[in-house]
């Protein structure tokens, strides 16, 4: 698995400004999945005159990944670059969130 050669498949979801992202390596192997939530500022015309200005931001909710934790910085750096490219470099701030170890480790797995 090569993190530096990631390819993204983005799909719309039923939520506004929310996308599901499937992440693969250069050979089509699975790297992970995440949800990308775009936070767009309210139009300035709808705000009071003294309201601060803010920039768009992107929350990346990492749902699953199949690489060693030691590669997380490379993963985030590469994924950030690819997501900025997808959104035409209009989102300056990207924040990553991961599942709580407590939630993941205590999750009951059922087979249907």
Protein backbone atom coordinates (compact mmCIF):
# COMPACT_ATOMS: atom_id res chain seq x y z
CA UNK A 1 0.00 0.00 0.00
CA UNK A 2 1.43 3.33 -1.08
CA UNK A 3 -0.03 6.35 0.71
CA UNK A 4 1.77 8.88 -1.50
CA UNK A 5 -0.10 7.62 -4.62
CA UNK A 6 -3.61 7.85 -3.17
CA UNK A 7 -6.64 8.11 -5.41
CA UNK A 8 -9.98 9.43 -4.18
CA UNK A 9 -13.51 8.48 -5.13
CA UNK A 10 -15.94 11.11 -3.84
CA UNK A 11 -19.66 10.50 -3.64
CA UNK A 12 -22.48 12.80 -2.59
CA UNK A 13 -24.50 11.79 0.45
CA UNK A 14 -28.00 12.59 1.64
CA UNK A 15 -26.60 15.45 3.75
CA UNK A 16 -25.90 18.87 2.29
CA UNK A 17 -22.18 19.62 1.81
CA UNK A 18 -21.20 16.12 2.96
CA UNK A 19 -19.29 13.60 0.86
CA UNK A 20 -18.18 10.02 1.32
CA UNK A 21 -14.60 9.50 0.23
CA UNK A 22 -13.17 6.09 -0.67
CA UNK A 23 -9.36 6.15 -0.62
CA UNK A 24 -7.28 3.72 -2.67
CA UNK A 25 -3.57 3.31 -3.35
CA UNK A 26 -2.12 3.49 -6.87
CA UNK A 27 -2.92 -0.18 -7.51
CA UNK A 28 -6.58 0.05 -6.45
CA UNK A 29 -5.96 -1.38 -2.98
CA UNK A 30 -8.04 -0.16 -0.06
CA UNK A 31 -6.52 2.52 2.19
CA UNK A 32 -9.58 3.87 3.98
CA UNK A 33 -12.89 5.68 3.98
CA UNK A 34 -13.86 9.03 5.39
CA UNK A 35 -16.62 11.57 5.35
CA UNK A 36 -15.79 15.11 4.19
CA UNK A 37 -18.03 17.82 5.62
CA UNK A 38 -17.71 21.27 4.07
CA UNK A 39 -18.49 24.18 6.39
CA UNK A 40 -19.42 27.17 4.28
CA UNK A 41 -19.70 30.57 6.00
CA UNK A 42 -23.08 32.27 6.14
CA UNK A 43 -23.50 34.94 3.50
CA UNK A 44 -22.28 38.30 4.91
CA UNK A 45 -25.56 39.96 3.89
CA UNK A 46 -27.33 37.77 6.47
CA UNK A 47 -25.02 38.79 9.33
CA UNK A 48 -24.80 41.87 11.54
CA UNK A 49 -22.32 44.49 10.32
CA UNK A 50 -19.89 43.79 13.18
CA UNK A 51 -19.77 40.01 12.64
CA UNK A 52 -16.28 38.57 12.15
CA UNK A 53 -15.31 37.16 8.77
CA UNK A 54 -14.55 33.47 8.53
CA UNK A 55 -13.23 31.17 5.82
CA UNK A 56 -14.64 27.84 4.63
CA UNK A 57 -13.32 24.78 6.40
CA UNK A 58 -13.40 21.06 5.81
CA UNK A 59 -13.92 18.41 8.48
CA UNK A 60 -12.57 14.98 7.54
CA UNK A 61 -14.15 12.24 9.66
CA UNK A 62 -11.93 9.22 9.18
CA UNK A 63 -14.16 6.17 9.47
CA UNK A 64 -11.70 3.40 8.68
CA UNK A 65 -8.10 2.95 7.51
CA UNK A 66 -5.80 0.05 6.77
CA UNK A 67 -2.31 1.36 7.50
CA UNK A 68 0.02 1.62 10.45
CA UNK A 69 -0.52 4.61 12.75
CA UNK A 70 3.08 5.69 12.11
CA UNK A 71 1.97 6.74 8.59
CA UNK A 72 -0.80 9.04 9.79
CA UNK A 73 1.06 12.30 9.07
CA UNK A 74 1.82 11.20 5.49
CA UNK A 75 -1.80 10.12 5.13
CA UNK A 76 -3.18 13.47 6.34
CA UNK A 77 -0.71 15.54 4.29
CA UNK A 78 -1.43 13.63 1.07
CA UNK A 79 -5.18 13.50 1.63
CA UNK A 80 -5.26 17.24 2.44
CA UNK A 81 -3.53 18.04 -0.84
CA UNK A 82 -5.92 15.85 -2.81
CA UNK A 83 -9.01 17.29 -1.11
CA UNK A 84 -7.84 20.87 -1.64
CA UNK A 85 -7.40 20.03 -5.32
CA UNK A 86 -10.93 18.53 -5.50
CA UNK A 87 -12.39 21.70 -3.97
CA UNK A 88 -10.34 23.94 -6.29
CA UNK A 89 -8.15 25.27 -3.46
CA UNK A 90 -11.03 27.28 -1.98
CA UNK A 91 -10.88 25.64 1.47
CA UNK A 92 -7.84 26.76 3.45
CA UNK A 93 -8.46 24.82 6.69
CA UNK A 94 -8.82 21.04 6.98
CA UNK A 95 -9.42 19.30 10.30
CA UNK A 96 -9.11 15.52 10.80
CA UNK A 97 -11.16 13.54 13.30
CA UNK A 98 -10.79 9.86 14.18
CA UNK A 99 -13.04 7.37 15.98
CA UNK A 100 -12.59 7.19 19.72
CA UNK A 101 -10.56 4.10 20.66
CA UNK A 102 -13.08 3.46 23.42
CA UNK A 103 -15.95 3.35 20.91
CA UNK A 104 -14.07 1.19 18.44
CA UNK A 105 -12.73 -1.31 20.98
CA UNK A 106 -16.06 -1.68 22.76
CA UNK A 107 -18.12 -2.04 19.59
CA UNK A 108 -20.15 -5.21 19.42
CA UNK A 109 -19.78 -6.94 16.07
CA UNK A 110 -22.82 -8.79 14.79
CA UNK A 111 -23.17 -10.85 11.66
CA UNK A 112 -26.42 -10.86 9.77
